[in-house]
């Protein structure tokens, strides 16, 4: 965790807005560990004012559990959601964040390890930054078979997952490859195709 003042962050955002030759997205977070959720709204507005894209993330508490947002956090969440956003961000919020903000699970098939790879400093492929150790395979030996296997592997953390980039890369499968529906400990495949 790093703590930065708005004054320091604002200077960096202005420099990025003026000089960056790549797309810049500013992700603000709300959740149980955030004491001043209004800061996320300030940063979101500033990023959009500077022409940068902005997303919002939800974070777990210190024990790793997702808690429903408080009334104060819900108010900030709603204000950020109403700000003009690209389509993919709005779709992402509507599909996942609304349930998570209420502490409710989502039914979806996580494509981490397939459409999304998290590679740590040791060169190992993990599902994501929050699920290190799975599958824990060196990148140089990660094959197409691994990608195909992980495409269909149910992830027990998926219902309460807050990792936005994994949600976004998995979203296309709602249209392209129908999802597995997970009910309790059973999982039934509606349709299974690989393009």
N, C-alpha and C. Protein backbone atom coordinates (compact mmCIF):
# COMPACT_ATOMS: atom_id res chain seq x y z
N UNK A 1 0.85 -1.18 0.00
CA UNK A 1 0.00 0.00 0.00
C UNK A 1 0.89 1.23 0.00
N UNK A 2 0.52 2.21 -0.78
CA UNK A 2 1.25 3.47 -0.77
C UNK A 2 0.27 4.60 -0.56
N UNK A 3 0.67 5.60 0.18
CA UNK A 3 -0.19 6.75 0.44
C UNK A 3 0.38 7.94 -0.29
N UNK A 4 -0.46 8.60 -1.06
CA UNK A 4 -0.02 9.75 -1.83
C UNK A 4 -1.02 10.88 -1.64
N UNK A 5 -0.53 12.09 -1.63
CA UNK A 5 -1.43 13.23 -1.52
C UNK A 5 -1.97 13.56 -2.91
N UNK A 6 -3.14 14.17 -2.94
CA UNK A 6 -3.75 14.55 -4.21
C UNK A 6 -2.84 15.52 -4.97
N UNK A 7 -2.16 16.38 -4.22
CA UNK A 7 -1.26 17.34 -4.85
C UNK A 7 -0.18 16.64 -5.66
N UNK A 8 0.42 15.60 -5.09
CA UNK A 8 1.47 14.84 -5.79
C UNK A 8 0.88 14.07 -6.96
N UNK A 9 -0.24 13.41 -6.75
CA UNK A 9 -0.89 12.63 -7.80
C UNK A 9 -1.33 13.53 -8.94
N UNK A 10 -1.90 14.69 -8.61
CA UNK A 10 -2.41 15.59 -9.64
C UNK A 10 -1.30 16.03 -10.59
N UNK A 11 -0.15 16.33 -10.06
CA UNK A 11 0.98 16.75 -10.91
C UNK A 11 1.34 15.63 -11.89
N UNK A 12 1.36 14.40 -11.40
CA UNK A 12 1.69 13.27 -12.27
C UNK A 12 0.61 13.03 -13.32
N UNK A 13 -0.64 13.20 -12.93
CA UNK A 13 -1.74 13.05 -13.90
C UNK A 13 -1.66 14.10 -15.00
N UNK A 14 -1.33 15.33 -14.62
CA UNK A 14 -1.20 16.40 -15.62
C UNK A 14 -0.06 16.09 -16.59
N UNK A 15 1.06 15.61 -16.07
CA UNK A 15 2.19 15.26 -16.93
C UNK A 15 1.82 14.11 -17.88
N UNK A 16 1.14 13.10 -17.35
CA UNK A 16 0.71 11.98 -18.19
C UNK A 16 -0.26 12.46 -19.27
N UNK A 17 -1.18 13.32 -18.89
CA UNK A 17 -2.16 13.82 -19.85
C UNK A 17 -1.48 14.59 -20.98
N UNK A 18 -0.45 15.33 -20.64
CA UNK A 18 0.23 16.16 -21.62
C UNK A 18 1.24 15.39 -22.47
N UNK A 19 1.98 14.45 -21.86
CA UNK A 19 3.12 13.86 -22.56
C UNK A 19 3.01 12.37 -22.89
N UNK A 20 2.11 11.65 -22.28
CA UNK A 20 2.07 10.20 -22.50
C UNK A 20 1.72 9.88 -23.95
N UNK A 21 2.48 8.95 -24.54
CA UNK A 21 2.21 8.50 -25.91
C UNK A 21 1.53 7.14 -25.88
N UNK A 22 0.81 6.88 -24.81
CA UNK A 22 0.09 5.63 -24.63
C UNK A 22 -1.18 5.94 -23.84
N UNK A 23 -2.11 5.01 -23.83
CA UNK A 23 -3.36 5.21 -23.09
C UNK A 23 -3.09 5.11 -21.60
N UNK A 24 -3.71 5.98 -20.85
CA UNK A 24 -3.55 5.98 -19.40
C UNK A 24 -4.92 5.79 -18.77
N UNK A 25 -5.03 4.81 -17.89
CA UNK A 25 -6.25 4.57 -17.13
C UNK A 25 -5.93 4.76 -15.66
N UNK A 26 -6.77 5.51 -14.99
CA UNK A 26 -6.60 5.73 -13.55
C UNK A 26 -7.68 4.93 -12.84
N UNK A 27 -7.27 3.99 -12.00
CA UNK A 27 -8.21 3.15 -11.26
C UNK A 27 -8.27 3.62 -9.82
N UNK A 28 -9.45 3.99 -9.37
CA UNK A 28 -9.67 4.38 -7.98
C UNK A 28 -10.39 3.23 -7.29
N UNK A 29 -10.18 3.09 -5.98
CA UNK A 29 -10.80 1.98 -5.26
C UNK A 29 -11.66 2.46 -4.11
N UNK A 30 -12.71 1.70 -3.85
CA UNK A 30 -13.54 1.87 -2.66
C UNK A 30 -13.70 0.50 -2.04
N UNK A 31 -13.98 0.49 -0.76
CA UNK A 31 -14.15 -0.77 -0.05
C UNK A 31 -13.92 -0.58 1.42
N UNK A 32 -13.99 -1.68 2.16
CA UNK A 32 -13.98 -1.61 3.61
C UNK A 32 -12.72 -0.99 4.20
N UNK A 33 -11.59 -1.12 3.53
CA UNK A 33 -10.34 -0.59 4.08
C UNK A 33 -10.10 0.87 3.74
N UNK A 34 -10.95 1.47 2.93
CA UNK A 34 -10.77 2.86 2.49
C UNK A 34 -11.50 3.78 3.47
N UNK A 35 -10.75 4.66 4.11
CA UNK A 35 -11.35 5.54 5.11
C UNK A 35 -12.05 6.75 4.50
N UNK A 36 -11.57 7.23 3.37
CA UNK A 36 -12.17 8.41 2.74
C UNK A 36 -12.57 8.05 1.31
N UNK A 37 -13.71 7.40 1.12
CA UNK A 37 -14.12 6.98 -0.22
C UNK A 37 -14.30 8.15 -1.18
N UNK A 38 -14.54 9.33 -0.67
CA UNK A 38 -14.71 10.52 -1.52
C UNK A 38 -13.45 10.80 -2.34
N UNK A 39 -12.30 10.36 -1.85
CA UNK A 39 -11.05 10.54 -2.61
C UNK A 39 -11.15 9.89 -3.99
N UNK A 40 -11.83 8.74 -4.06
CA UNK A 40 -11.98 8.04 -5.34
C UNK A 40 -12.76 8.90 -6.33
N UNK A 41 -13.76 9.60 -5.83
CA UNK A 41 -14.56 10.46 -6.69
C UNK A 41 -13.74 11.65 -7.19
N UNK A 42 -12.94 12.23 -6.31
CA UNK A 42 -12.09 13.36 -6.69
C UNK A 42 -11.11 12.94 -7.78
N UNK A 43 -10.46 11.79 -7.59
CA UNK A 43 -9.47 11.31 -8.55
C UNK A 43 -10.15 10.96 -9.88
N UNK A 44 -11.31 10.33 -9.82
CA UNK A 44 -12.03 9.97 -11.04
C UNK A 44 -12.38 11.21 -11.85
N UNK A 45 -12.93 12.21 -11.18
CA UNK A 45 -13.30 13.45 -11.88
C UNK A 45 -12.07 14.12 -12.49
N UNK A 46 -10.97 14.14 -11.73
CA UNK A 46 -9.75 14.79 -12.23
C UNK A 46 -9.21 14.05 -13.44
N UNK A 47 -9.18 12.73 -13.39
CA UNK A 47 -8.68 11.94 -14.51
C UNK A 47 -9.51 12.20 -15.76
N UNK A 48 -10.84 12.21 -15.61
CA UNK A 48 -11.71 12.45 -16.76
C UNK A 48 -11.56 13.88 -17.29
N UNK A 49 -11.39 14.85 -16.38
CA UNK A 49 -11.16 16.25 -16.80
C UNK A 49 -9.90 16.37 -17.64
N UNK A 50 -8.90 15.55 -17.35
CA UNK A 50 -7.63 15.60 -18.08
C UNK A 50 -7.65 14.74 -19.35
N UNK A 51 -8.79 14.11 -19.64
CA UNK A 51 -8.90 13.29 -20.85
C UNK A 51 -8.37 11.88 -20.69
N UNK A 52 -8.13 11.46 -19.46
CA UNK A 52 -7.66 10.09 -19.21
C UNK A 52 -8.88 9.20 -18.98
N UNK A 53 -8.72 7.90 -19.15
CA UNK A 53 -9.82 7.01 -18.82
C UNK A 53 -9.75 6.68 -17.33
N UNK A 54 -10.87 6.27 -16.79
CA UNK A 54 -10.92 6.00 -15.36
C UNK A 54 -11.83 4.81 -15.09
N UNK A 55 -11.39 3.96 -14.19
CA UNK A 55 -12.19 2.83 -13.74
C UNK A 55 -12.24 2.86 -12.22
N UNK A 56 -13.11 2.04 -11.66
CA UNK A 56 -13.23 1.95 -10.21
C UNK A 56 -13.12 0.49 -9.81
N UNK A 57 -12.37 0.25 -8.76
CA UNK A 57 -12.24 -1.10 -8.25
C UNK A 57 -12.80 -1.20 -6.84
N UNK A 58 -13.18 -2.40 -6.46
CA UNK A 58 -13.64 -2.68 -5.10
C UNK A 58 -12.58 -3.55 -4.44
N UNK A 59 -12.28 -3.28 -3.18
CA UNK A 59 -11.24 -4.06 -2.53
C UNK A 59 -11.79 -4.83 -1.34
N UNK A 60 -11.09 -5.91 -1.02
CA UNK A 60 -11.44 -6.75 0.12
C UNK A 60 -10.97 -6.10 1.41
N UNK A 61 -11.45 -6.62 2.53
CA UNK A 61 -10.97 -6.13 3.81
C UNK A 61 -9.64 -6.81 4.15
N UNK A 62 -9.09 -6.52 5.32
CA UNK A 62 -7.80 -7.05 5.72
C UNK A 62 -7.74 -8.56 5.81
N UNK A 63 -8.90 -9.22 5.96
CA UNK A 63 -8.92 -10.68 6.05
C UNK A 63 -9.11 -11.34 4.69
N UNK A 64 -9.23 -10.51 3.62
CA UNK A 64 -9.41 -11.06 2.28
C UNK A 64 -10.87 -11.28 1.90
N UNK A 65 -11.80 -10.85 2.75
CA UNK A 65 -13.23 -11.02 2.47
C UNK A 65 -13.80 -9.75 1.86
N UNK A 66 -14.73 -9.92 0.95
CA UNK A 66 -15.41 -8.78 0.35
C UNK A 66 -16.58 -8.40 1.24
N UNK A 67 -16.62 -7.15 1.67
CA UNK A 67 -17.70 -6.65 2.50
C UNK A 67 -18.61 -5.76 1.67
N UNK A 68 -19.91 -5.77 1.96
CA UNK A 68 -20.80 -4.84 1.26
C UNK A 68 -20.33 -3.41 1.54
N UNK A 69 -20.52 -2.51 0.58
CA UNK A 69 -20.16 -1.12 0.78
C UNK A 69 -21.09 -0.48 1.80
N UNK A 70 -20.53 0.41 2.61
CA UNK A 70 -21.34 1.17 3.56
C UNK A 70 -22.20 2.16 2.77
N UNK A 71 -23.15 2.81 3.45
CA UNK A 71 -23.99 3.81 2.77
C UNK A 71 -23.13 4.92 2.16
N UNK A 72 -22.12 5.35 2.90
CA UNK A 72 -21.22 6.40 2.41
C UNK A 72 -20.47 5.94 1.17
N UNK A 73 -19.97 4.71 1.20
CA UNK A 73 -19.25 4.16 0.06
C UNK A 73 -20.19 3.94 -1.12
N UNK A 74 -21.41 3.49 -0.84
CA UNK A 74 -22.41 3.30 -1.91
C UNK A 74 -22.69 4.63 -2.61
N UNK A 75 -22.76 5.72 -1.85
CA UNK A 75 -23.02 7.03 -2.44
C UNK A 75 -21.90 7.41 -3.41
N UNK A 76 -20.65 7.21 -2.99
CA UNK A 76 -19.51 7.50 -3.87
C UNK A 76 -19.55 6.59 -5.09
N UNK A 77 -19.81 5.32 -4.88
CA UNK A 77 -19.90 4.36 -5.98
C UNK A 77 -20.94 4.82 -7.01
N UNK A 78 -22.11 5.22 -6.54
CA UNK A 78 -23.18 5.65 -7.45
C UNK A 78 -22.77 6.91 -8.22
N UNK A 79 -22.11 7.84 -7.56
CA UNK A 79 -21.68 9.06 -8.24
C UNK A 79 -20.66 8.76 -9.33
N UNK A 80 -19.71 7.87 -9.02
CA UNK A 80 -18.70 7.50 -10.02
C UNK A 80 -19.35 6.77 -11.18
N UNK A 81 -20.32 5.89 -10.88
CA UNK A 81 -20.98 5.14 -11.93
C UNK A 81 -21.72 6.04 -12.90
N UNK A 82 -22.24 7.16 -12.39
CA UNK A 82 -23.00 8.09 -13.25
C UNK A 82 -22.12 8.94 -14.15
N UNK A 83 -20.83 9.03 -13.84
CA UNK A 83 -19.93 9.81 -14.69
C UNK A 83 -19.81 9.14 -16.06
N UNK A 84 -19.58 9.94 -17.07
CA UNK A 84 -19.45 9.40 -18.43
C UNK A 84 -18.25 8.47 -18.50
N UNK A 85 -18.49 7.26 -19.04
CA UNK A 85 -17.44 6.25 -19.12
C UNK A 85 -17.50 5.57 -20.48
N UNK A 86 -16.40 4.97 -20.90
CA UNK A 86 -16.45 4.16 -22.12
C UNK A 86 -17.41 2.99 -21.93
N UNK A 87 -17.90 2.44 -23.04
CA UNK A 87 -18.87 1.34 -22.97
C UNK A 87 -18.36 0.16 -22.18
N UNK A 88 -17.10 -0.25 -22.41
CA UNK A 88 -16.62 -1.46 -21.74
C UNK A 88 -16.61 -1.28 -20.23
N UNK A 89 -16.35 -0.05 -19.77
CA UNK A 89 -16.32 0.20 -18.33
C UNK A 89 -17.74 0.14 -17.78
N UNK A 90 -18.70 0.74 -18.48
CA UNK A 90 -20.09 0.71 -18.03
C UNK A 90 -20.60 -0.71 -17.99
N UNK A 91 -20.27 -1.51 -19.00
CA UNK A 91 -20.70 -2.91 -19.02
C UNK A 91 -20.08 -3.66 -17.85
N UNK A 92 -18.82 -3.38 -17.58
CA UNK A 92 -18.12 -4.03 -16.48
C UNK A 92 -18.80 -3.69 -15.15
N UNK A 93 -19.11 -2.43 -14.92
CA UNK A 93 -19.78 -2.04 -13.68
C UNK A 93 -21.12 -2.75 -13.55
N UNK A 94 -21.92 -2.68 -14.62
CA UNK A 94 -23.25 -3.25 -14.55
C UNK A 94 -23.23 -4.75 -14.32
N UNK A 95 -22.29 -5.44 -14.91
CA UNK A 95 -22.26 -6.89 -14.82
C UNK A 95 -21.72 -7.38 -13.48
N UNK A 96 -20.72 -6.74 -12.95
CA UNK A 96 -20.04 -7.27 -11.78
C UNK A 96 -20.14 -6.40 -10.53
N UNK A 97 -19.89 -5.12 -10.70
CA UNK A 97 -19.77 -4.25 -9.52
C UNK A 97 -21.05 -4.11 -8.72
N UNK A 98 -22.19 -4.08 -9.36
CA UNK A 98 -23.44 -3.87 -8.62
C UNK A 98 -23.64 -4.95 -7.56
N UNK A 99 -23.43 -6.21 -7.95
CA UNK A 99 -23.55 -7.28 -6.95
C UNK A 99 -22.47 -7.18 -5.90
N UNK A 100 -21.23 -6.96 -6.33
CA UNK A 100 -20.12 -6.91 -5.38
C UNK A 100 -20.28 -5.77 -4.38
N UNK A 101 -20.79 -4.63 -4.84
CA UNK A 101 -20.99 -3.49 -3.95
C UNK A 101 -21.98 -3.82 -2.84
N UNK A 102 -22.87 -4.77 -3.12
CA UNK A 102 -23.85 -5.21 -2.11
C UNK A 102 -23.37 -6.44 -1.35
N UNK A 103 -22.16 -6.91 -1.68
CA UNK A 103 -21.61 -8.10 -1.03
C UNK A 103 -22.20 -9.39 -1.57
N UNK A 104 -22.78 -9.33 -2.78
CA UNK A 104 -23.42 -10.49 -3.40
C UNK A 104 -22.49 -11.12 -4.43
N UNK A 105 -22.58 -12.44 -4.63
CA UNK A 105 -21.72 -13.12 -5.61
C UNK A 105 -22.18 -12.90 -7.04
N UNK A 106 -21.28 -13.16 -7.98
CA UNK A 106 -21.59 -13.16 -9.40
C UNK A 106 -21.43 -14.58 -9.94
N UNK A 107 -22.28 -14.94 -10.89
CA UNK A 107 -22.15 -16.22 -11.57
C UNK A 107 -21.49 -15.97 -12.91
N UNK A 108 -20.28 -16.45 -13.09
CA UNK A 108 -19.54 -16.25 -14.33
C UNK A 108 -18.40 -17.25 -14.36
N UNK A 109 -17.79 -17.40 -15.51
CA UNK A 109 -16.62 -18.26 -15.64
C UNK A 109 -15.39 -17.39 -15.81
N UNK A 110 -14.54 -17.44 -14.84
CA UNK A 110 -13.30 -16.67 -14.87
C UNK A 110 -12.35 -17.31 -15.89
N UNK A 111 -11.78 -16.48 -16.74
CA UNK A 111 -10.85 -16.98 -17.76
C UNK A 111 -9.39 -16.70 -17.40
N UNK A 112 -9.12 -16.45 -16.11
CA UNK A 112 -7.74 -16.28 -15.68
C UNK A 112 -6.96 -17.56 -15.97
N UNK A 113 -5.73 -17.39 -16.42
CA UNK A 113 -4.93 -18.53 -16.83
C UNK A 113 -5.14 -18.89 -18.28
N UNK A 114 -6.09 -18.19 -18.92
CA UNK A 114 -6.38 -18.43 -20.33
C UNK A 114 -6.36 -17.11 -21.10
N UNK A 115 -7.41 -16.32 -20.96
CA UNK A 115 -7.44 -15.01 -21.62
C UNK A 115 -6.61 -13.99 -20.87
N UNK A 116 -6.35 -14.25 -19.60
CA UNK A 116 -5.60 -13.33 -18.75
C UNK A 116 -4.50 -14.11 -18.05
N UNK A 117 -3.29 -13.64 -18.16
CA UNK A 117 -2.16 -14.27 -17.46
C UNK A 117 -1.51 -13.25 -16.53
N UNK A 118 -1.27 -13.65 -15.31
CA UNK A 118 -0.51 -12.81 -14.39
C UNK A 118 0.84 -13.50 -14.21
N UNK A 119 1.90 -12.80 -14.58
CA UNK A 119 3.24 -13.37 -14.47
C UNK A 119 3.98 -12.61 -13.36
N UNK A 120 4.42 -13.35 -12.36
CA UNK A 120 5.08 -12.72 -11.21
C UNK A 120 6.55 -12.45 -11.52
N UNK A 121 7.23 -11.86 -10.55
CA UNK A 121 8.63 -11.51 -10.70
C UNK A 121 9.53 -12.73 -10.88
N UNK A 122 9.04 -13.93 -10.54
CA UNK A 122 9.81 -15.16 -10.73
C UNK A 122 9.51 -15.82 -12.07
N UNK A 123 8.68 -15.19 -12.92
CA UNK A 123 8.37 -15.73 -14.23
C UNK A 123 7.35 -16.86 -14.21
N UNK A 124 6.55 -16.93 -13.13
CA UNK A 124 5.53 -17.97 -13.02
C UNK A 124 4.17 -17.40 -13.39
N UNK A 125 3.35 -18.22 -14.07
CA UNK A 125 1.99 -17.83 -14.44
C UNK A 125 1.05 -18.17 -13.29
N UNK A 126 0.29 -17.16 -12.86
CA UNK A 126 -0.72 -17.33 -11.81
C UNK A 126 -2.06 -16.85 -12.36
N UNK A 127 -3.16 -17.23 -11.70
CA UNK A 127 -4.47 -16.76 -12.15
C UNK A 127 -4.51 -15.24 -12.13
N UNK A 128 -4.07 -14.64 -11.06
CA UNK A 128 -4.06 -13.19 -10.94
C UNK A 128 -3.20 -12.79 -9.76
N UNK A 129 -3.11 -11.51 -9.50
CA UNK A 129 -2.29 -11.03 -8.39
C UNK A 129 -2.83 -11.49 -7.04
N UNK A 130 -4.12 -11.81 -6.99
CA UNK A 130 -4.74 -12.23 -5.73
C UNK A 130 -4.71 -13.75 -5.54
N UNK A 131 -4.37 -14.49 -6.57
CA UNK A 131 -4.37 -15.96 -6.51
C UNK A 131 -3.02 -16.51 -6.95
N UNK A 132 -1.97 -16.08 -6.30
CA UNK A 132 -0.63 -16.57 -6.63
C UNK A 132 -0.51 -18.04 -6.22
N UNK A 133 0.22 -18.79 -7.04
CA UNK A 133 0.42 -20.21 -6.75
C UNK A 133 -0.43 -21.12 -7.62
N UNK A 134 -1.39 -20.56 -8.32
CA UNK A 134 -2.27 -21.34 -9.17
C UNK A 134 -2.24 -20.78 -10.58
N UNK A 135 -1.87 -21.47 -11.59
CA UNK A 135 -1.27 -22.80 -11.54
C UNK A 135 0.21 -22.81 -11.16
N UNK A 136 0.87 -21.65 -11.16
CA UNK A 136 2.26 -21.58 -10.73
C UNK A 136 3.24 -22.25 -11.68
N UNK A 137 2.98 -22.12 -12.98
CA UNK A 137 3.78 -22.77 -14.01
C UNK A 137 4.74 -21.74 -14.62
N UNK A 138 6.01 -22.10 -14.84
CA UNK A 138 6.92 -21.16 -15.49
C UNK A 138 6.40 -20.74 -16.86
N UNK A 139 6.50 -19.46 -17.17
CA UNK A 139 5.98 -18.94 -18.43
C UNK A 139 6.55 -19.67 -19.64
N UNK A 140 7.85 -19.98 -19.60
CA UNK A 140 8.48 -20.62 -20.77
C UNK A 140 7.93 -22.02 -21.05
N UNK A 141 7.28 -22.64 -20.05
CA UNK A 141 6.72 -23.96 -20.29
C UNK A 141 5.19 -23.95 -20.29
N UNK A 142 4.59 -22.75 -20.28
CA UNK A 142 3.13 -22.63 -20.31
C UNK A 142 2.68 -22.80 -21.75
N UNK A 143 1.86 -23.81 -22.00
CA UNK A 143 1.53 -24.19 -23.37
C UNK A 143 0.07 -23.88 -23.72
N UNK A 144 -0.26 -24.12 -24.97
CA UNK A 144 -1.65 -23.99 -25.43
C UNK A 144 -2.56 -24.92 -24.65
N UNK A 145 -2.06 -26.10 -24.28
CA UNK A 145 -2.86 -27.03 -23.48
C UNK A 145 -3.20 -26.42 -22.11
N UNK A 146 -2.24 -25.71 -21.51
CA UNK A 146 -2.50 -25.03 -20.23
C UNK A 146 -3.58 -23.97 -20.41
N UNK A 147 -3.49 -23.21 -21.49
CA UNK A 147 -4.47 -22.16 -21.77
C UNK A 147 -5.86 -22.76 -21.96
N UNK A 148 -5.95 -23.84 -22.71
CA UNK A 148 -7.26 -24.50 -22.92
C UNK A 148 -7.81 -25.06 -21.61
N UNK A 149 -6.94 -25.67 -20.80
CA UNK A 149 -7.39 -26.23 -19.52
C UNK A 149 -7.94 -25.13 -18.62
N UNK A 150 -7.21 -24.01 -18.51
CA UNK A 150 -7.61 -22.95 -17.60
C UNK A 150 -8.83 -22.19 -18.10
N UNK A 151 -9.10 -22.24 -19.39
CA UNK A 151 -10.30 -21.61 -19.94
C UNK A 151 -11.54 -22.17 -19.26
N UNK A 152 -11.55 -23.48 -18.99
CA UNK A 152 -12.73 -24.14 -18.44
C UNK A 152 -12.61 -24.48 -16.96
N UNK A 153 -11.47 -24.21 -16.36
CA UNK A 153 -11.29 -24.54 -14.94
C UNK A 153 -12.10 -23.59 -14.06
N UNK A 154 -13.05 -24.12 -13.26
CA UNK A 154 -13.79 -23.24 -12.34
C UNK A 154 -12.83 -22.69 -11.28
N UNK A 155 -12.93 -21.42 -10.99
CA UNK A 155 -12.11 -20.78 -9.97
C UNK A 155 -12.98 -20.53 -8.75
N UNK A 156 -12.64 -21.12 -7.60
CA UNK A 156 -13.50 -20.97 -6.42
C UNK A 156 -13.63 -19.52 -5.93
N UNK A 157 -12.68 -18.68 -6.31
CA UNK A 157 -12.71 -17.27 -5.90
C UNK A 157 -13.59 -16.42 -6.81
N UNK A 158 -14.04 -16.95 -7.94
CA UNK A 158 -14.75 -16.16 -8.95
C UNK A 158 -16.00 -15.44 -8.45
N UNK A 159 -16.86 -16.05 -7.63
CA UNK A 159 -18.10 -15.36 -7.26
C UNK A 159 -17.89 -13.99 -6.60
N UNK A 160 -16.80 -13.84 -5.84
CA UNK A 160 -16.55 -12.57 -5.15
C UNK A 160 -15.30 -11.87 -5.67
N UNK A 161 -14.88 -12.21 -6.87
CA UNK A 161 -13.69 -11.63 -7.46
C UNK A 161 -13.88 -10.14 -7.72
N UNK A 162 -12.87 -9.35 -7.36
CA UNK A 162 -12.92 -7.91 -7.61
C UNK A 162 -11.85 -7.46 -8.62
N UNK A 163 -11.18 -8.40 -9.27
CA UNK A 163 -10.10 -8.05 -10.20
C UNK A 163 -10.72 -7.67 -11.55
N UNK A 164 -10.86 -6.35 -11.75
CA UNK A 164 -11.58 -5.82 -12.91
C UNK A 164 -11.02 -6.25 -14.24
N UNK A 165 -9.70 -6.31 -14.38
CA UNK A 165 -9.14 -6.65 -15.69
C UNK A 165 -9.47 -8.10 -16.07
N UNK A 166 -9.58 -8.99 -15.10
CA UNK A 166 -9.95 -10.38 -15.40
C UNK A 166 -11.42 -10.42 -15.84
N UNK A 167 -12.26 -9.65 -15.17
CA UNK A 167 -13.67 -9.57 -15.58
C UNK A 167 -13.79 -9.07 -17.02
N UNK A 168 -13.03 -8.01 -17.34
CA UNK A 168 -13.15 -7.43 -18.68
C UNK A 168 -12.75 -8.40 -19.77
N UNK A 169 -11.65 -9.13 -19.59
CA UNK A 169 -11.23 -10.05 -20.66
C UNK A 169 -12.13 -11.28 -20.73
N UNK A 170 -12.85 -11.57 -19.67
CA UNK A 170 -13.78 -12.70 -19.67
C UNK A 170 -15.15 -12.33 -20.22
N UNK A 171 -15.45 -11.03 -20.27
CA UNK A 171 -16.77 -10.56 -20.69
C UNK A 171 -17.14 -11.03 -22.08
N UNK A 172 -16.17 -11.07 -23.00
CA UNK A 172 -16.48 -11.46 -24.38
C UNK A 172 -17.10 -12.85 -24.45
N UNK A 173 -16.83 -13.69 -23.48
CA UNK A 173 -17.35 -15.05 -23.52
C UNK A 173 -18.84 -15.14 -23.20
N UNK A 174 -19.41 -14.06 -22.68
CA UNK A 174 -20.86 -14.06 -22.49
C UNK A 174 -21.55 -14.12 -23.84
N UNK A 175 -20.87 -13.63 -24.88
CA UNK A 175 -21.43 -13.66 -26.23
C UNK A 175 -20.76 -14.73 -27.08
N UNK A 176 -19.46 -14.88 -26.94
CA UNK A 176 -18.68 -15.73 -27.84
C UNK A 176 -18.73 -17.20 -27.44
N UNK A 177 -18.48 -17.50 -26.19
CA UNK A 177 -18.52 -18.87 -25.68
C UNK A 177 -19.36 -18.86 -24.43
N UNK A 178 -20.54 -19.46 -24.46
CA UNK A 178 -21.40 -19.43 -23.28
C UNK A 178 -20.66 -19.91 -22.03
N UNK A 179 -21.04 -19.31 -20.91
CA UNK A 179 -20.38 -19.57 -19.64
C UNK A 179 -20.87 -20.85 -18.99
N UNK A 180 -20.04 -21.38 -18.11
CA UNK A 180 -20.48 -22.45 -17.23
C UNK A 180 -21.27 -21.80 -16.10
N UNK A 181 -22.37 -22.42 -15.73
CA UNK A 181 -23.16 -21.91 -14.62
C UNK A 181 -22.80 -22.73 -13.40
N UNK A 182 -22.32 -22.06 -12.37
CA UNK A 182 -21.90 -22.75 -11.15
C UNK A 182 -22.99 -22.60 -10.12
N UNK A 183 -23.51 -23.74 -9.64
CA UNK A 183 -24.54 -23.74 -8.63
C UNK A 183 -24.03 -24.59 -7.47
N UNK A 184 -23.80 -23.93 -6.33
CA UNK A 184 -23.25 -24.66 -5.19
C UNK A 184 -21.92 -25.26 -5.55
N UNK A 185 -21.79 -26.56 -5.33
CA UNK A 185 -20.54 -27.24 -5.65
C UNK A 185 -20.60 -27.93 -7.00
N UNK A 186 -21.79 -27.88 -7.63
CA UNK A 186 -21.93 -28.52 -8.94
C UNK A 186 -21.76 -27.50 -10.03
N UNK A 187 -21.32 -27.94 -11.17
CA UNK A 187 -21.20 -27.02 -12.30
C UNK A 187 -21.74 -27.73 -13.52
N UNK A 188 -22.58 -27.02 -14.27
CA UNK A 188 -23.12 -27.61 -15.49
C UNK A 188 -22.74 -26.75 -16.67
N UNK A 189 -22.36 -27.38 -17.74
CA UNK A 189 -21.93 -26.64 -18.92
C UNK A 189 -23.13 -26.44 -19.83
N UNK A 190 -23.44 -25.17 -20.11
CA UNK A 190 -24.55 -24.86 -21.00
C UNK A 190 -24.11 -25.21 -22.42
N UNK A 191 -22.93 -24.81 -22.78
CA UNK A 191 -22.37 -25.08 -24.09
C UNK A 191 -20.88 -24.93 -23.97
N UNK A 192 -20.13 -25.67 -24.71
CA UNK A 192 -18.68 -25.59 -24.57
C UNK A 192 -18.05 -25.52 -25.94
N UNK A 193 -17.53 -24.36 -26.29
CA UNK A 193 -16.88 -24.21 -27.58
C UNK A 193 -15.57 -23.46 -27.41
N UNK A 194 -14.63 -23.75 -28.22
CA UNK A 194 -13.38 -23.01 -28.27
C UNK A 194 -13.21 -22.50 -29.69
N UNK A 195 -13.01 -21.19 -29.83
CA UNK A 195 -12.82 -20.62 -31.16
C UNK A 195 -11.34 -20.51 -31.45
